[in-house]
Amino acid sequence: MALDYASLLARDPFPPGEVWLAGAGPGDPGLLTLRAAQALSQADLILHDSLSGGAVLRDARPDAEIIAVGKR
């Protein structure tokens, strides 16, 4: 079955009810992948460790619930 590239592009990359995991590297928002930045901008809930807070979360939705978990 061949991939229909146009339909893949038209599909919502973040449908409701999905969980996405993204690495933030050293915490520099300029190093996030485009998909990770897009996921952060659309997420209802963001769970992050303390190493990836701050600038990485600047593009989160204003109404997103943001919870620090894990490493401190």
Foldseek 3Di string as FASTA:
>chain_A
DDDDVVVVVVDDPDDPPDDDDFDCPQQDLVPGDPVLLVCQLPAQEAEEAPRRDDPNNPNHHPNHHYHHDDDD
